[in-house]
Amino acid sequence: SEKLEVELVGRGEAGQRTADWLMRTLGVQLEHAR
């Protein structure tokens, strides 16, 4: 829990594959996926 609190707020941007999948599947453009 402590590690997630620190790491997500600091560098929790989703990976490029995840972001690409979301944009393609949902039909949207994303500014951020975090």
Full PDB file with SEQRES, HELIX, SHEET, SSBOND, CRYST1, ORIGX, SCALE, CONECT and MASTER records, all heavy atoms in Angstrom:
SEQRES   1 A   34  SER GLU LYS LEU GLU VAL GLU LEU VAL GLY ARG GLY GLU          
SEQRES   2 A   34  ALA GLY GLN ARG THR ALA ASP TRP LEU MET ARG THR LEU          
SEQRES   3 A   34  GLY VAL GLN LEU GLU HIS ALA ARG                              
HELIX    1 AA1 GLU A    2  ARG A   11  1                                  10    
HELIX    2 AA2 GLN A   16  LEU A   26  1                                  11    
CRYST1    1.000    1.000    1.000  90.00  90.00  90.00 P 1           1          
ORIGX1      1.000000  0.000000  0.000000        0.00000                         
ORIGX2      0.000000  1.000000  0.000000        0.00000                         
ORIGX3      0.000000  0.000000  1.000000        0.00000                         
SCALE1      1.000000  0.000000  0.000000        0.00000                         
SCALE2      0.000000  1.000000  0.000000        0.00000                         
SCALE3      0.000000  0.000000  1.000000        0.00000                         
ATOM      1  N   SER A   1       0.833  -1.204   0.000  1.00  0.00           N  
ATOM      2  CA  SER A   1       0.000   0.000   0.000  1.00  0.00           C  
ATOM      3  C   SER A   1       0.871   1.259   0.000  1.00  0.00           C  
ATOM      4  O   SER A   1       0.624   2.198  -0.770  1.00  0.00           O  
ATOM      5  CB  SER A   1      -0.915   0.003   1.222  1.00  0.00           C  
ATOM      6  OG  SER A   1      -1.680   1.192   1.265  1.00  0.00           O  
ATOM      7  N   GLU A   2       1.890   1.257   0.857  1.00  0.00           N  
ATOM      8  CA  GLU A   2       2.799   2.420   0.923  1.00  0.00           C  
ATOM      9  C   GLU A   2       3.522   2.611  -0.407  1.00  0.00           C  
ATOM     10  O   GLU A   2       3.672   3.738  -0.888  1.00  0.00           O  
ATOM     11  CB  GLU A   2       3.809   2.227   2.058  1.00  0.00           C  
ATOM     12  CG  GLU A   2       3.185   2.290   3.447  1.00  0.00           C  
ATOM     13  CD  GLU A   2       4.181   1.963   4.543  1.00  0.00           C  
ATOM     14  OE1 GLU A   2       5.403   1.953   4.252  1.00  0.00           O  
ATOM     15  OE2 GLU A   2       3.747   1.704   5.686  1.00  0.00           O  
ATOM     16  N   LYS A   3       3.964   1.501  -1.000  1.00  0.00           N  
ATOM     17  CA  LYS A   3       4.697   1.576  -2.264  1.00  0.00           C  
ATOM     18  C   LYS A   3       3.793   2.117  -3.381  1.00  0.00           C  
ATOM     19  O   LYS A   3       4.208   2.952  -4.195  1.00  0.00           O  
ATOM     20  CB  LYS A   3       5.208   0.180  -2.631  1.00  0.00           C  
ATOM     21  CG  LYS A   3       6.264   0.165  -3.734  1.00  0.00           C  
ATOM     22  CD  LYS A   3       7.597   0.684  -3.236  1.00  0.00           C  
ATOM     23  CE  LYS A   3       8.678   0.484  -4.289  1.00  0.00           C  
ATOM     24  NZ  LYS A   3       9.940   1.141  -3.914  1.00  0.00           N  
ATOM     25  N   LEU A   4       2.548   1.663  -3.419  1.00  0.00           N  
ATOM     26  CA  LEU A   4       1.609   2.137  -4.440  1.00  0.00           C  
ATOM     27  C   LEU A   4       1.339   3.634  -4.278  1.00  0.00           C  
ATOM     28  O   LEU A   4       1.300   4.386  -5.266  1.00  0.00           O  
ATOM     29  CB  LEU A   4       0.288   1.364  -4.344  1.00  0.00           C  
ATOM     30  CG  LEU A   4       0.304  -0.074  -4.869  1.00  0.00           C  
ATOM     31  CD1 LEU A   4      -0.957  -0.819  -4.434  1.00  0.00           C  
ATOM     32  CD2 LEU A   4       0.431  -0.099  -6.389  1.00  0.00           C  
ATOM     33  N   GLU A   5       1.156   4.079  -3.031  1.00  0.00           N  
ATOM     34  CA  GLU A   5       0.903   5.511  -2.787  1.00  0.00           C  
ATOM     35  C   GLU A   5       2.053   6.367  -3.332  1.00  0.00           C  
ATOM     36  O   GLU A   5       1.825   7.413  -3.938  1.00  0.00           O  
ATOM     37  CB  GLU A   5       0.722   5.780  -1.292  1.00  0.00           C  
ATOM     38  CG  GLU A   5      -0.531   5.186  -0.678  1.00  0.00           C  
ATOM     39  CD  GLU A   5      -1.815   5.878  -1.108  1.00  0.00           C  
ATOM     40  OE1 GLU A   5      -1.744   6.949  -1.723  1.00  0.00           O  
ATOM     41  OE2 GLU A   5      -2.902   5.324  -0.847  1.00  0.00           O  
ATOM     42  N   VAL A   6       3.277   5.905  -3.114  1.00  0.00           N  
ATOM     43  CA  VAL A   6       4.454   6.685  -3.549  1.00  0.00           C  
ATOM     44  C   VAL A   6       4.654   6.611  -5.062  1.00  0.00           C  
ATOM     45  O   VAL A   6       4.813   7.623  -5.745  1.00  0.00           O  
ATOM     46  CB  VAL A   6       5.726   6.192  -2.820  1.00  0.00           C  
ATOM     47  CG1 VAL A   6       6.966   6.856  -3.412  1.00  0.00           C  
ATOM     48  CG2 VAL A   6       5.628   6.493  -1.327  1.00  0.00           C  
ATOM     49  N   GLU A   7       4.633   5.398  -5.604  1.00  0.00           N  
ATOM     50  CA  GLU A   7       4.985   5.203  -7.008  1.00  0.00           C  
ATOM     51  C   GLU A   7       3.907   5.722  -7.964  1.00  0.00           C  
ATOM     52  O   GLU A   7       4.216   6.298  -9.011  1.00  0.00           O  
ATOM     53  CB  GLU A   7       5.276   3.727  -7.284  1.00  0.00           C  
ATOM     54  CG  GLU A   7       6.480   3.178  -6.547  1.00  0.00           C  
ATOM     55  CD  GLU A   7       7.784   3.869  -6.934  1.00  0.00           C  
ATOM     56  OE1 GLU A   7       7.871   4.405  -8.058  1.00  0.00           O  
ATOM     57  OE2 GLU A   7       8.704   3.894  -6.106  1.00  0.00           O  
ATOM     58  N   LEU A   8       2.623   5.518  -7.627  1.00  0.00           N  
ATOM     59  CA  LEU A   8       1.571   5.927  -8.557  1.00  0.00           C  
ATOM     60  C   LEU A   8       1.514   7.436  -8.707  1.00  0.00           C  
ATOM     61  O   LEU A   8       1.398   7.960  -9.818  1.00  0.00           O  
ATOM     62  CB  LEU A   8       0.214   5.381  -8.107  1.00  0.00           C  
ATOM     63  CG  LEU A   8       0.066   3.853  -8.087  1.00  0.00           C  
ATOM     64  CD1 LEU A   8      -1.383   3.460  -7.847  1.00  0.00           C  
ATOM     65  CD2 LEU A   8       0.579   3.226  -9.380  1.00  0.00           C  
ATOM     66  N   VAL A   9       1.595   8.159  -7.599  1.00  0.00           N  
ATOM     67  CA  VAL A   9       1.518   9.612  -7.701  1.00  0.00           C  
ATOM     68  C   VAL A   9       2.770  10.180  -8.368  1.00  0.00           C  
ATOM     69  O   VAL A   9       2.736  11.212  -9.033  1.00  0.00           O  
ATOM     70  CB  VAL A   9       1.293  10.252  -6.312  1.00  0.00           C  
ATOM     71  CG1 VAL A   9       2.558  10.221  -5.463  1.00  0.00           C  
ATOM     72  CG2 VAL A   9       0.767  11.677  -6.441  1.00  0.00           C  
ATOM     73  N   GLY A  10       3.895   9.477  -8.223  1.00  0.00           N  
ATOM     74  CA  GLY A  10       5.144   9.982  -8.788  1.00  0.00           C  
ATOM     75  C   GLY A  10       5.332   9.651 -10.259  1.00  0.00           C  
ATOM     76  O   GLY A  10       5.774  10.498 -11.041  1.00  0.00           O  
ATOM     77  N   ARG A  11       4.995   8.424 -10.654  1.00  0.00           N  
ATOM     78  CA  ARG A  11       5.263   8.025 -12.043  1.00  0.00           C  
ATOM     79  C   ARG A  11       4.220   7.017 -12.538  1.00  0.00           C  
ATOM     80  O   ARG A  11       4.558   6.024 -13.179  1.00  0.00           O  
ATOM     81  CB  ARG A  11       6.681   7.441 -12.156  1.00  0.00           C  
ATOM     82  CG  ARG A  11       6.992   6.296 -11.224  1.00  0.00           C  
ATOM     83  CD  ARG A  11       8.467   5.924 -11.237  1.00  0.00           C  
ATOM     84  NE  ARG A  11       8.705   4.656 -10.541  1.00  0.00           N  
ATOM     85  CZ  ARG A  11       8.800   3.486 -11.151  1.00  0.00           C  
ATOM     86  NH1 ARG A  11       8.678   3.404 -12.466  1.00  0.00           N  
ATOM     87  NH2 ARG A  11       9.005   2.380 -10.455  1.00  0.00           N  
ATOM     88  N   GLY A  12       2.970   7.295 -12.245  1.00  0.00           N  
ATOM     89  CA  GLY A  12       1.912   6.335 -12.533  1.00  0.00           C  
ATOM     90  C   GLY A  12       1.293   6.409 -13.914  1.00  0.00           C  
ATOM     91  O   GLY A  12       0.193   5.898 -14.126  1.00  0.00           O  
ATOM     92  N   GLU A  13       1.976   7.023 -14.864  1.00  0.00           N  
ATOM     93  CA  GLU A  13       1.418   7.096 -16.225  1.00  0.00           C  
ATOM     94  C   GLU A  13       1.283   5.682 -16.809  1.00  0.00           C  
ATOM     95  O   GLU A  13       2.171   4.840 -16.664  1.00  0.00           O  
ATOM     96  CB  GLU A  13       2.343   7.934 -17.114  1.00  0.00           C  
ATOM     97  CG  GLU A  13       1.681   8.477 -18.371  1.00  0.00           C  
ATOM     98  CD  GLU A  13       0.747   9.653 -18.112  1.00  0.00           C  
ATOM     99  OE1 GLU A  13       0.844  10.283 -17.044  1.00  0.00           O  
ATOM    100  OE2 GLU A  13      -0.084   9.940 -18.989  1.00  0.00           O  
ATOM    101  N   ALA A  14       0.153   5.417 -17.431  1.00  0.00           N  
ATOM    102  CA  ALA A  14      -0.065   4.103 -18.051  1.00  0.00           C  
ATOM    103  C   ALA A  14       0.921   3.890 -19.189  1.00  0.00           C  
ATOM    104  O   ALA A  14       1.392   4.838 -19.821  1.00  0.00           O  
ATOM    105  CB  ALA A  14      -1.497   4.010 -18.572  1.00  0.00           C  
ATOM    106  N   GLY A  15       1.221   2.630 -19.462  1.00  0.00           N  
ATOM    107  CA  GLY A  15       2.133   2.315 -20.554  1.00  0.00           C  
ATOM    108  C   GLY A  15       1.532   2.666 -21.913  1.00  0.00           C  
ATOM    109  O   GLY A  15       0.308   2.775 -22.059  1.00  0.00           O  
ATOM    110  N   GLN A  16       2.395   2.810 -22.890  1.00  0.00           N  
ATOM    111  CA  GLN A  16       1.939   3.206 -24.226  1.00  0.00           C  
ATOM    112  C   GLN A  16       0.993   2.171 -24.828  1.00  0.00           C  
ATOM    113  O   GLN A  16      -0.001   2.526 -25.472  1.00  0.00           O  
ATOM    114  CB  GLN A  16       3.152   3.414 -25.149  1.00  0.00           C  
ATOM    115  CG  GLN A  16       2.796   4.039 -26.493  1.00  0.00           C  
ATOM    116  CD  GLN A  16       2.185   5.423 -26.334  1.00  0.00           C  
ATOM    117  OE1 GLN A  16       2.741   6.282 -25.651  1.00  0.00           O  
ATOM    118  NE2 GLN A  16       1.030   5.647 -26.960  1.00  0.00           N  
ATOM    119  N   ARG A  17       1.269   0.894 -24.615  1.00  0.00           N  
ATOM    120  CA  ARG A  17       0.388  -0.152 -25.160  1.00  0.00           C  
ATOM    121  C   ARG A  17      -1.017  -0.052 -24.555  1.00  0.00           C  
ATOM    122  O   ARG A  17      -2.022  -0.213 -25.249  1.00  0.00           O  
ATOM    123  CB  ARG A  17       0.974  -1.540 -24.885  1.00  0.00           C  
ATOM    124  CG  ARG A  17       2.224  -1.865 -25.699  1.00  0.00           C  
ATOM    125  CD  ARG A  17       2.743  -3.246 -25.342  1.00  0.00           C  
ATOM    126  NE  ARG A  17       1.777  -4.292 -25.690  1.00  0.00           N  
ATOM    127  CZ  ARG A  17       1.631  -5.430 -25.028  1.00  0.00           C  
ATOM    128  NH1 ARG A  17       2.376  -5.669 -23.953  1.00  0.00           N  
ATOM    129  NH2 ARG A  17       0.747  -6.320 -25.421  1.00  0.00           N  
ATOM    130  N   THR A  18      -1.059   0.231 -23.265  1.00  0.00           N  
ATOM    131  CA  THR A  18      -2.357   0.368 -22.588  1.00  0.00           C  
ATOM    132  C   THR A  18      -3.116   1.574 -23.125  1.00  0.00           C  
ATOM    133  O   THR A  18      -4.311   1.490 -23.435  1.00  0.00           O  
ATOM    134  CB  THR A  18      -2.153   0.511 -21.068  1.00  0.00           C  
ATOM    135  OG1 THR A  18      -1.388  -0.589 -20.587  1.00  0.00           O  
ATOM    136  CG2 THR A  18      -3.487   0.567 -20.336  1.00  0.00           C  
ATOM    137  N   ALA A  19      -2.414   2.707 -23.236  1.00  0.00           N  
ATOM    138  CA  ALA A  19      -3.061   3.925 -23.729  1.00  0.00           C  
ATOM    139  C   ALA A  19      -3.553   3.745 -25.165  1.00  0.00           C  
ATOM    140  O   ALA A  19      -4.674   4.155 -25.514  1.00  0.00           O  
ATOM    141  CB  ALA A  19      -2.095   5.105 -23.634  1.00  0.00           C  
ATOM    142  N   ASP A  20      -2.728   3.122 -26.005  1.00  0.00           N  
ATOM    143  CA  ASP A  20      -3.126   2.895 -27.403  1.00  0.00           C  
ATOM    144  C   ASP A  20      -4.356   1.981 -27.471  1.00  0.00           C  
ATOM    145  O   ASP A  20      -5.277   2.219 -28.259  1.00  0.00           O  
ATOM    146  CB  ASP A  20      -1.968   2.262 -28.189  1.00  0.00           C  
ATOM    147  CG  ASP A  20      -0.842   3.250 -28.460  1.00  0.00           C  
ATOM    148  OD1 ASP A  20      -1.064   4.465 -28.298  1.00  0.00           O  
ATOM    149  OD2 ASP A  20       0.262   2.798 -28.842  1.00  0.00           O  
ATOM    150  N   TRP A  21      -4.360   0.942 -26.648  1.00  0.00           N  
ATOM    151  CA  TRP A  21      -5.498   0.013 -26.633  1.00  0.00           C  
ATOM    152  C   TRP A  21      -6.780   0.755 -26.234  1.00  0.00           C  
ATOM    153  O   TRP A  21      -7.835   0.565 -26.844  1.00  0.00           O  
ATOM    154  CB  TRP A  21      -5.215  -1.131 -25.653  1.00  0.00           C  
ATOM    155  CG  TRP A  21      -6.237  -2.228 -25.693  1.00  0.00           C  
ATOM    156  CD1 TRP A  21      -6.179  -3.393 -26.412  1.00  0.00           C  
ATOM    157  CD2 TRP A  21      -7.482  -2.260 -24.980  1.00  0.00           C  
ATOM    158  NE1 TRP A  21      -7.314  -4.139 -26.188  1.00  0.00           N  
ATOM    159  CE2 TRP A  21      -8.129  -3.475 -25.323  1.00  0.00           C  
ATOM    160  CE3 TRP A  21      -8.112  -1.388 -24.098  1.00  0.00           C  
ATOM    161  CZ2 TRP A  21      -9.379  -3.824 -24.797  1.00  0.00           C  
ATOM    162  CZ3 TRP A  21      -9.354  -1.732 -23.582  1.00  0.00           C  
ATOM    163  CH2 TRP A  21      -9.979  -2.941 -23.931  1.00  0.00           C  
ATOM    164  N   LEU A  22      -6.675   1.587 -25.217  1.00  0.00           N  
ATOM    165  CA  LEU A  22      -7.848   2.335 -24.747  1.00  0.00           C  
ATOM    166  C   LEU A  22      -8.376   3.282 -25.822  1.00  0.00           C  
ATOM    167  O   LEU A  22      -9.587   3.354 -26.064  1.00  0.00           O  
ATOM    168  CB  LEU A  22      -7.494   3.117 -23.479  1.00  0.00           C  
ATOM    169  CG  LEU A  22      -7.357   2.278 -22.203  1.00  0.00           C  
ATOM    170  CD1 LEU A  22      -6.587   3.040 -21.134  1.00  0.00           C  
ATOM    171  CD2 LEU A  22      -8.739   1.877 -21.679  1.00  0.00           C  
ATOM    172  N   MET A  23      -7.483   4.013 -26.473  1.00  0.00           N  
ATOM    173  CA  MET A  23      -7.925   4.967 -27.498  1.00  0.00           C  
ATOM    174  C   MET A  23      -8.573   4.241 -28.672  1.00  0.00           C  
ATOM    175  O   MET A  23      -9.604   4.673 -29.199  1.00  0.00           O  
ATOM    176  CB  MET A  23      -6.743   5.833 -27.959  1.00  0.00           C  
ATOM    177  CG  MET A  23      -6.307   6.853 -26.911  1.00  0.00           C  
ATOM    178  SD  MET A  23      -5.101   8.082 -27.508  1.00  0.00           S  
ATOM    179  CE  MET A  23      -3.614   7.092 -27.553  1.00  0.00           C  
ATOM    180  N   ARG A  24      -7.989   3.123 -29.049  1.00  0.00           N  
ATOM    181  CA  ARG A  24      -8.524   2.362 -30.176  1.00  0.00           C  
ATOM    182  C   ARG A  24      -9.873   1.726 -29.822  1.00  0.00           C  
ATOM    183  O   ARG A  24     -10.832   1.777 -30.600  1.00  0.00           O  
ATOM    184  CB  ARG A  24      -7.506   1.282 -30.581  1.00  0.00           C  
ATOM    185  CG  ARG A  24      -7.899   0.488 -31.834  1.00  0.00           C  
ATOM    186  CD  ARG A  24      -6.804  -0.481 -32.232  1.00  0.00           C  
ATOM    187  NE  ARG A  24      -6.596  -1.550 -31.269  1.00  0.00           N  
ATOM    188  CZ  ARG A  24      -5.561  -1.627 -30.436  1.00  0.00           C  
ATOM    189  NH1 ARG A  24      -4.619  -0.696 -30.452  1.00  0.00           N  
ATOM    190  NH2 ARG A  24      -5.450  -2.642 -29.587  1.00  0.00           N  
ATOM    191  N   THR A  25      -9.956   1.155 -28.649  1.00  0.00           N  
ATOM    192  CA  THR A  25     -11.165   0.428 -28.256  1.00  0.00           C  
ATOM    193  C   THR A  25     -12.318   1.374 -27.908  1.00  0.00           C  
ATOM    194  O   THR A  25     -13.474   1.105 -28.243  1.00  0.00           O  
ATOM    195  CB  THR A  25     -10.870  -0.494 -27.057  1.00  0.00           C  
ATOM    196  OG1 THR A  25      -9.783  -1.360 -27.405  1.00  0.00           O  
ATOM    197  CG2 THR A  25     -12.083  -1.328 -26.689  1.00  0.00           C  
ATOM    198  N   LEU A  26     -11.994   2.468 -27.243  1.00  0.00           N  
ATOM    199  CA  LEU A  26     -13.036   3.410 -26.815  1.00  0.00           C  
ATOM    200  C   LEU A  26     -13.343   4.472 -27.865  1.00  0.00           C  
ATOM    201  O   LEU A  26     -14.344   5.191 -27.752  1.00  0.00           O  
ATOM    202  CB  LEU A  26     -12.626   4.096 -25.504  1.00  0.00           C  
ATOM    203  CG  LEU A  26     -12.433   3.176 -24.292  1.00  0.00           C  
ATOM    204  CD1 LEU A  26     -11.930   3.984 -23.097  1.00  0.00           C  
ATOM    205  CD2 LEU A  26     -13.732   2.458 -23.932  1.00  0.00           C  
ATOM    206  N   GLY A  27     -12.470   4.607 -28.855  1.00  0.00           N  
ATOM    207  CA  GLY A  27     -12.686   5.611 -29.890  1.00  0.00           C  
ATOM    208  C   GLY A  27     -12.528   7.031 -29.388  1.00  0.00           C  
ATOM    209  O   GLY A  27     -13.307   7.926 -29.756  1.00  0.00           O  
ATOM    210  N   VAL A  28     -11.533   7.254 -28.532  1.00  0.00           N  
ATOM    211  CA  VAL A  28     -11.289   8.594 -27.977  1.00  0.00           C  
ATOM    212  C   VAL A  28      -9.803   8.927 -28.076  1.00  0.00           C  
ATOM    213  O   VAL A  28      -8.957   8.050 -28.298  1.00  0.00           O  
ATOM    214  CB  VAL A  28     -11.718   8.674 -26.494  1.00  0.00           C  
ATOM    215  CG1 VAL A  28     -13.222   8.472 -26.343  1.00  0.00           C  
ATOM    216  CG2 VAL A  28     -10.950   7.666 -25.629  1.00  0.00           C  
ATOM    217  N   GLN A  29      -9.517  10.214 -27.902  1.00  0.00           N  
ATOM    218  CA  GLN A  29      -8.138  10.676 -27.754  1.00  0.00           C  
ATOM    219  C   GLN A  29      -7.899  10.971 -26.280  1.00  0.00           C  
ATOM    220  O   GLN A  29      -8.761  11.548 -25.605  1.00  0.00           O  
ATOM    221  CB  GLN A  29      -7.891  11.930 -28.593  1.00  0.00           C  
ATOM    222  CG  GLN A  29      -7.882  11.673 -30.092  1.00  0.00           C  
ATOM    223  CD  GLN A  29      -6.745  10.741 -30.509  1.00  0.00           C  
ATOM    224  OE1 GLN A  29      -5.597  10.925 -30.150  1.00  0.00           O  
ATOM    225  NE2 GLN A  29      -7.101   9.700 -31.277  1.00  0.00           N  
ATOM    226  N   LEU A  30      -6.744  10.572 -25.771  1.00  0.00           N  
ATOM    227  CA  LEU A  30      -6.430  10.770 -24.358  1.00  0.00           C  
ATOM    228  C   LEU A  30      -5.318  11.798 -24.184  1.00  0.00           C  
ATOM    229  O   LEU A  30      -4.301  11.744 -24.874  1.00  0.00           O  
ATOM    230  CB  LEU A  30      -5.986   9.452 -23.722  1.00  0.00           C  
ATOM    231  CG  LEU A  30      -7.017   8.319 -23.670  1.00  0.00           C  
ATOM    232  CD1 LEU A  30      -6.372   7.067 -23.096  1.00  0.00           C  
ATOM    233  CD2 LEU A  30      -8.216   8.732 -22.834  1.00  0.00           C  
ATOM    234  N   GLU A  31      -5.551  12.715 -23.257  1.00  0.00           N  
ATOM    235  CA  GLU A  31      -4.467  13.618 -22.838  1.00  0.00           C  
ATOM    236  C   GLU A  31      -3.526  12.872 -21.889  1.00  0.00           C  
ATOM    237  O   GLU A  31      -2.309  12.993 -21.978  1.00  0.00           O  
ATOM    238  CB  GLU A  31      -5.058  14.845 -22.132  1.00  0.00           C  
ATOM    239  CG  GLU A  31      -5.822  15.790 -23.031  1.00  0.00           C  
ATOM    240  CD  GLU A  31      -4.920  16.580 -23.966  1.00  0.00           C  
ATOM    241  OE1 GLU A  31      -3.708  16.711 -23.655  1.00  0.00           O  
ATOM    242  OE2 GLU A  31      -5.412  17.039 -25.006  1.00  0.00           O  
ATOM    243  N   HIS A  32      -4.136  12.133 -20.966  1.00  0.00           N  
ATOM    244  CA  HIS A  32      -3.358  11.362 -19.994  1.00  0.00           C  
ATOM    245  C   HIS A  32      -4.125  10.099 -19.631  1.00  0.00           C  
ATOM    246  O   HIS A  32      -5.355  10.076 -19.657  1.00  0.00           O  
ATOM    247  CB  HIS A  32      -3.111  12.166 -18.704  1.00  0.00           C  
ATOM    248  CG  HIS A  32      -2.281  13.395 -18.903  1.00  0.00           C  
ATOM    249  ND1 HIS A  32      -0.924  13.354 -19.113  1.00  0.00           N  
ATOM    250  CD2 HIS A  32      -2.638  14.700 -18.925  1.00  0.00           C  
ATOM    251  CE1 HIS A  32      -0.469  14.599 -19.255  1.00  0.00           C  
ATOM    252  NE2 HIS A  32      -1.484  15.425 -19.147  1.00  0.00           N  
ATOM    253  N   ALA A  33      -3.374   9.059 -19.289  1.00  0.00           N  
ATOM    254  CA  ALA A  33      -3.941   7.863 -18.676  1.00  0.00           C  
ATOM    255  C   ALA A  33      -3.016   7.530 -17.518  1.00  0.00           C  
ATOM    256  O   ALA A  33      -1.850   7.177 -17.724  1.00  0.00           O  
ATOM    257  CB  ALA A  33      -4.007   6.708 -19.675  1.00  0.00           C  
ATOM    258  N   ARG A  34      -3.534   7.677 -16.314  1.00  0.00           N  
ATOM    259  CA  ARG A  34      -2.655   7.598 -15.141  1.00  0.00           C  
ATOM    260  C   ARG A  34      -3.293   6.767 -14.035  1.00  0.00           C  
ATOM    261  O   ARG A  34      -4.487   6.876 -13.773  1.00  0.00           O  
ATOM    262  CB  ARG A  34      -2.371   9.011 -14.631  1.00  0.00           C  
ATOM    263  CG  ARG A  34      -1.595   9.093 -13.330  1.00  0.00           C  
ATOM    264  CD  ARG A  34      -1.268  10.522 -12.967  1.00  0.00           C  
ATOM    265  NE  ARG A  34      -0.226  11.062 -13.825  1.00  0.00           N  
ATOM    266  CZ  ARG A  34       1.075  10.895 -13.612  1.00  0.00           C  
ATOM    267  NH1 ARG A  34       1.488  10.201 -12.567  1.00  0.00           N  
ATOM    268  NH2 ARG A  34       1.953  11.414 -14.428  1.00  0.00           N  
TER     269      ARG A  34                                                      
MASTER        0    0    0    2    0    0    0    6  268    1    0    3          
END                                                                             
